[in-house]
Amino acid sequence: MNKVSLNGVEIYPFDSEQQLLSFVDEHNGILVAINAEKILHATEQTRAIINRNIGYCDGAGAQLALKQKGYKNACKIPGCELWLKIIARFYKEKTFYLVGGKQEVIEETVEKLNKEYEGIRIVGWRNGYLKTEEEQQVLIDDIAEKKPDVVFVAMGSPKQELLMEEIQKQHKAIFQGLGGSFDVYTGHVQRAPKWWVEHNMEFAYRLIKEPKRIKRQIYLVKYAWWLITKKL
């Protein structure tokens, strides 16, 4: 499958969740969520991280740009849903390792996963507060020893991607960066209701809940202009 470049950010135009899941099952690597904000604010560093990994369409802005490029069937796959799709597809055959969130959150996440996916094999987990290089190396060594098939890291970008790349040097697996998905999964953070998500208005819901986000989201006007003028 060929990648599509959007402002120098290379993204795979998957047309379904199943296509993405089959792809990562055959091509182990790091899944990186791509939305309008990441395309708009791409730097040399973030482009390099995304382009050497598996960028997928996480938001409506990226989806619109792909369709404008001729990929009419390109689908939006929210990362906060994708990791659970990966678990649902593979939990009977693969092993998992989870990193991220506060200690309370990661413990609640593991407990809930064990209840919802009977028989799931979570071979290790820890919170996302790696304070020293020594702590990071202990984590990498533990993952290399336990050899999980899937590793989820919820720490925010680009920190989580940089960590996953370090882990990948010692152990190949399916990796996905999750941002705050553990907080959403355990109910510590409320995701937008279904209607807002289905109508591509999740950004507006989050803005209503967190007005301070206006400083970030005002730049989406520029992205809309890029779409209109076909500058992507």
Protein backbone atom coordinates (compact mmCIF):
# COMPACT_ATOMS: atom_id res chain seq x y z
CA MET A 1 0.00 0.00 0.00
CA ASN A 2 1.32 3.43 -0.97
CA LYS A 3 1.51 6.29 1.49
CA VAL A 4 -0.01 9.72 0.81
CA SER A 5 1.93 12.88 1.69
CA LEU A 6 0.04 15.71 3.43
CA ASN A 7 2.31 18.68 4.15
CA GLY A 8 5.17 16.20 4.14
CA VAL A 9 3.39 13.88 6.59
CA GLU A 10 3.04 10.41 5.08
CA ILE A 11 -0.16 8.55 5.90
CA TYR A 12 -1.63 5.22 4.85
CA PRO A 13 -5.12 5.66 3.31
CA PHE A 14 -6.74 2.64 4.96
CA ASP A 15 -10.33 2.16 3.79
CA SER A 16 -11.47 0.19 6.85
CA GLU A 17 -10.47 -0.83 10.35
CA GLN A 18 -10.13 -4.40 9.16
CA GLN A 19 -7.65 -3.39 6.46
CA LEU A 20 -5.54 -1.59 9.06
CA LEU A 21 -5.69 -4.54 11.49
CA SER A 22 -4.65 -7.00 8.78
CA PHE A 23 -1.82 -4.68 7.73
CA VAL A 24 -0.30 -4.36 11.20
CA ASP A 25 -0.67 -8.09 11.78
CA GLU A 26 1.57 -8.66 8.76
CA HIS A 27 3.82 -5.60 9.18
CA ASN A 28 4.75 -5.07 12.82
CA GLY A 29 5.47 -1.43 13.55
CA ILE A 30 4.41 1.72 15.34
CA LEU A 31 0.93 3.09 14.68
CA VAL A 32 0.83 6.89 14.81
CA ALA A 33 -2.50 8.76 14.83
CA ILE A 34 -2.65 11.61 12.28
CA ASN A 35 -5.11 14.50 12.56
CA ALA A 36 -5.30 18.04 11.19
CA GLU A 37 -3.22 19.43 14.04
CA LYS A 38 -0.32 17.05 13.41
CA ILE A 39 -0.39 17.81 9.69
CA LEU A 40 -0.59 21.56 10.24
CA HIS A 41 2.14 21.78 12.89
CA ALA A 42 4.46 19.17 11.41
CA THR A 43 8.14 19.82 12.09
CA GLU A 44 11.21 18.10 10.70
CA GLN A 45 11.31 15.91 13.81
CA THR A 46 7.62 14.95 13.88
CA ARG A 47 7.53 14.29 10.13
CA ALA A 48 10.52 11.97 10.46
CA ILE A 49 8.90 10.07 13.34
CA ILE A 50 5.63 9.62 11.48
CA ASN A 51 7.15 8.84 8.09
CA ARG A 52 9.31 5.98 9.33
CA ASN A 53 6.31 4.40 11.04
CA ILE A 54 2.64 3.67 10.25
CA GLY A 55 0.64 6.89 10.12
CA TYR A 56 -3.13 6.38 10.00
CA CYS A 57 -6.10 8.74 9.71
CA ASP A 58 -7.32 9.64 13.20
CA GLY A 59 -9.41 12.73 12.45
CA ALA A 60 -11.90 14.25 10.02
CA GLY A 61 -9.37 16.82 8.82
CA ALA A 62 -6.93 14.15 7.67
CA GLN A 63 -9.79 12.15 6.15
CA LEU A 64 -10.96 15.16 4.11
CA ALA A 65 -7.45 15.74 2.82
CA LEU A 66 -7.09 12.09 1.76
CA LYS A 67 -10.41 12.23 -0.08
CA GLN A 68 -9.28 15.42 -1.79
CA LYS A 69 -6.21 13.49 -2.97
CA GLY A 70 -8.49 10.91 -4.61
CA TYR A 71 -8.79 8.34 -1.82
CA LYS A 72 -12.57 8.48 -1.63
CA ASN A 73 -12.87 5.44 0.65
CA ALA A 74 -10.30 6.61 3.21
CA CYS A 75 -11.79 6.10 6.65
CA LYS A 76 -11.30 7.83 9.98
CA ILE A 77 -10.11 5.50 12.75
CA PRO A 78 -9.99 7.22 16.17
CA GLY A 79 -6.98 6.01 18.15
CA CYS A 80 -9.01 5.85 21.37
CA GLU A 81 -11.14 3.19 19.64
CA LEU A 82 -8.44 1.48 17.58
CA TRP A 83 -6.49 0.03 20.50
CA LEU A 84 -9.63 -1.71 21.74
CA LYS A 85 -10.28 -3.01 18.21
CA ILE A 86 -6.76 -4.44 18.22
CA ILE A 87 -7.45 -6.15 21.54
CA ALA A 88 -10.83 -7.49 20.39
CA ARG A 89 -9.25 -8.90 17.22
CA PHE A 90 -6.13 -10.45 18.78
CA TYR A 91 -6.64 -11.02 22.52
CA LYS A 92 -7.13 -14.77 22.13
CA GLU A 93 -3.86 -15.22 20.27
CA LYS A 94 -1.47 -12.39 21.18
CA THR A 95 0.09 -11.04 24.38
CA PHE A 96 0.01 -7.40 25.54
CA TYR A 97 2.09 -4.88 27.49
CA LEU A 98 0.70 -1.52 28.67
CA VAL A 99 2.59 1.65 29.58
CA GLY A 100 1.10 5.00 30.57
CA GLY A 101 -1.18 7.01 32.80
CA LYS A 102 -1.08 7.45 36.55
CA GLN A 103 -0.64 4.36 38.71
CA GLU A 104 -4.33 4.35 39.62
CA VAL A 105 -5.34 4.62 35.97
CA ILE A 106 -3.07 1.86 34.64
CA GLU A 107 -4.21 -0.51 37.40
CA GLU A 108 -7.87 0.22 36.65
CA THR A 109 -7.18 -0.26 32.92
CA VAL A 110 -5.63 -3.69 33.44
CA GLU A 111 -8.44 -4.72 35.78
CA LYS A 112 -11.15 -3.63 33.34
CA LEU A 113 -9.47 -5.33 30.37
CA ASN A 114 -9.24 -8.59 32.29
CA LYS A 115 -12.97 -8.39 33.01
CA GLU A 116 -14.04 -7.45 29.48
CA TYR A 117 -11.72 -9.77 27.56
CA GLU A 118 -11.70 -13.05 29.42
CA GLY A 119 -8.42 -14.84 28.98
CA ILE A 120 -6.47 -11.82 27.75
CA ARG A 121 -2.76 -12.19 28.47
CA ILE A 122 -1.31 -8.93 29.74
CA VAL A 123 2.31 -9.83 30.45
CA GLY A 124 3.30 -6.49 31.99
CA TRP A 125 2.35 -2.90 32.69
CA ARG A 126 3.55 0.24 34.43
CA ASN A 127 2.57 3.90 34.77
CA GLY A 128 3.79 6.53 32.33
CA TYR A 129 6.07 8.45 34.68
CA LEU A 130 9.59 7.47 33.66
CA LYS A 131 11.71 9.89 35.65
CA THR A 132 15.20 8.66 34.77
CA GLU A 133 17.03 6.95 31.92
CA GLU A 134 17.55 4.02 34.27
CA GLU A 135 13.79 3.58 34.74
CA GLN A 136 13.32 3.69 30.98
CA GLN A 137 15.99 1.07 30.43
CA VAL A 138 14.45 -1.21 33.05
CA LEU A 139 11.14 -0.94 31.16
CA ILE A 140 12.79 -1.67 27.80
CA ASP A 141 14.63 -4.66 29.24
CA ASP A 142 11.42 -6.02 30.77
CA ILE A 143 9.59 -5.76 27.45
CA ALA A 144 12.50 -7.36 25.60
CA GLU A 145 12.44 -10.24 28.10
CA LYS A 146 8.67 -10.80 28.07
CA LYS A 147 8.33 -10.35 24.29
CA PRO A 148 4.72 -9.11 24.07
CA ASP A 149 3.08 -9.17 20.64
CA VAL A 150 1.40 -5.79 21.22
CA VAL A 151 2.66 -2.78 23.18
CA PHE A 152 0.46 0.22 24.01
CA VAL A 153 2.11 3.43 25.23
CA ALA A 154 -0.10 6.26 26.52
CA MET A 155 2.15 9.25 27.17
CA GLY A 156 1.36 11.87 24.52
CA SER A 157 3.25 12.78 21.34
CA PRO A 158 6.09 12.80 20.47
CA LYS A 159 7.25 11.35 23.80
CA GLN A 160 5.40 8.08 23.32
CA GLU A 161 6.65 7.60 19.76
CA LEU A 162 10.27 8.23 20.78
CA LEU A 163 9.95 5.69 23.59
CA MET A 164 8.36 3.11 21.30
CA GLU A 165 11.20 3.54 18.82
CA GLU A 166 13.71 2.87 21.60
CA ILE A 167 11.80 -0.27 22.62
CA GLN A 168 11.57 -1.35 18.98
CA LYS A 169 15.36 -1.47 18.73
CA GLN A 170 15.32 -4.44 21.12
CA HIS A 171 11.91 -5.97 20.45
CA LYS A 172 9.68 -6.04 17.35
CA ALA A 173 5.91 -5.89 17.94
CA ILE A 174 2.72 -4.05 17.09
CA PHE A 175 3.02 -0.68 18.84
CA GLN A 176 0.41 2.05 19.28
CA GLY A 177 0.63 5.43 20.98
CA LEU A 178 -2.56 6.20 22.89
CA GLY A 179 -2.25 9.66 24.41
CA GLY A 180 -4.95 9.86 27.08
CA SER A 181 -6.92 6.77 26.02
CA PHE A 182 -6.45 4.93 29.34
CA ASP A 183 -8.06 7.90 31.13
CA VAL A 184 -11.03 7.77 28.75
CA TYR A 185 -11.35 3.98 29.05
CA THR A 186 -11.46 4.10 32.85
CA GLY A 187 -13.85 7.05 32.99
CA HIS A 188 -11.38 9.60 34.37
CA VAL A 189 -11.86 11.71 31.22
CA GLN A 190 -15.16 12.03 29.36
CA ARG A 191 -15.06 11.57 25.59
CA ALA A 192 -17.52 13.45 23.39
CA PRO A 193 -20.97 11.82 23.10
CA LYS A 194 -21.62 9.61 20.07
CA TRP A 195 -23.53 12.26 18.06
CA TRP A 196 -20.61 14.71 18.21
CA VAL A 197 -18.15 12.00 17.16
CA GLU A 198 -20.31 10.74 14.25
CA HIS A 199 -20.77 14.29 12.91
CA ASN A 200 -17.05 15.12 13.11
CA MET A 201 -17.73 17.69 15.83
CA GLU A 202 -15.65 16.14 18.58
CA PHE A 203 -13.24 19.08 18.46
CA ALA A 204 -16.15 21.47 19.16
CA TYR A 205 -17.34 19.41 22.13
CA ARG A 206 -13.84 19.41 23.60
CA LEU A 207 -13.60 23.16 23.07
CA ILE A 208 -16.87 23.69 24.97
CA LYS A 209 -15.56 21.54 27.82
CA GLU A 210 -12.08 23.11 27.75
CA PRO A 211 -12.32 26.72 26.44
CA LYS A 212 -8.54 27.13 26.85
CA ARG A 213 -8.14 24.84 23.82
CA ILE A 214 -9.11 27.80 21.62
CA LYS A 215 -5.42 28.74 21.43
CA ARG A 216 -4.74 25.41 19.72
CA GLN A 217 -7.89 25.07 17.68
CA ILE A 218 -7.81 28.55 16.16
CA TYR A 219 -5.08 27.21 13.89
CA LEU A 220 -7.62 24.83 12.34
CA VAL A 221 -8.90 27.82 10.37
CA LYS A 222 -5.55 27.79 8.57
CA TYR A 223 -5.93 24.07 7.90
CA ALA A 224 -9.41 24.65 6.46
CA TRP A 225 -7.88 27.28 4.15
CA TRP A 226 -5.26 24.76 3.02
CA LEU A 227 -8.06 22.34 2.16
CA ILE A 228 -10.04 24.96 0.26
CA THR A 229 -7.01 26.09 -1.73
CA LYS A 230 -5.68 22.53 -2.13
CA LYS A 231 -2.30 23.35 -0.61
CA LEU A 232 -1.92 19.99 1.14
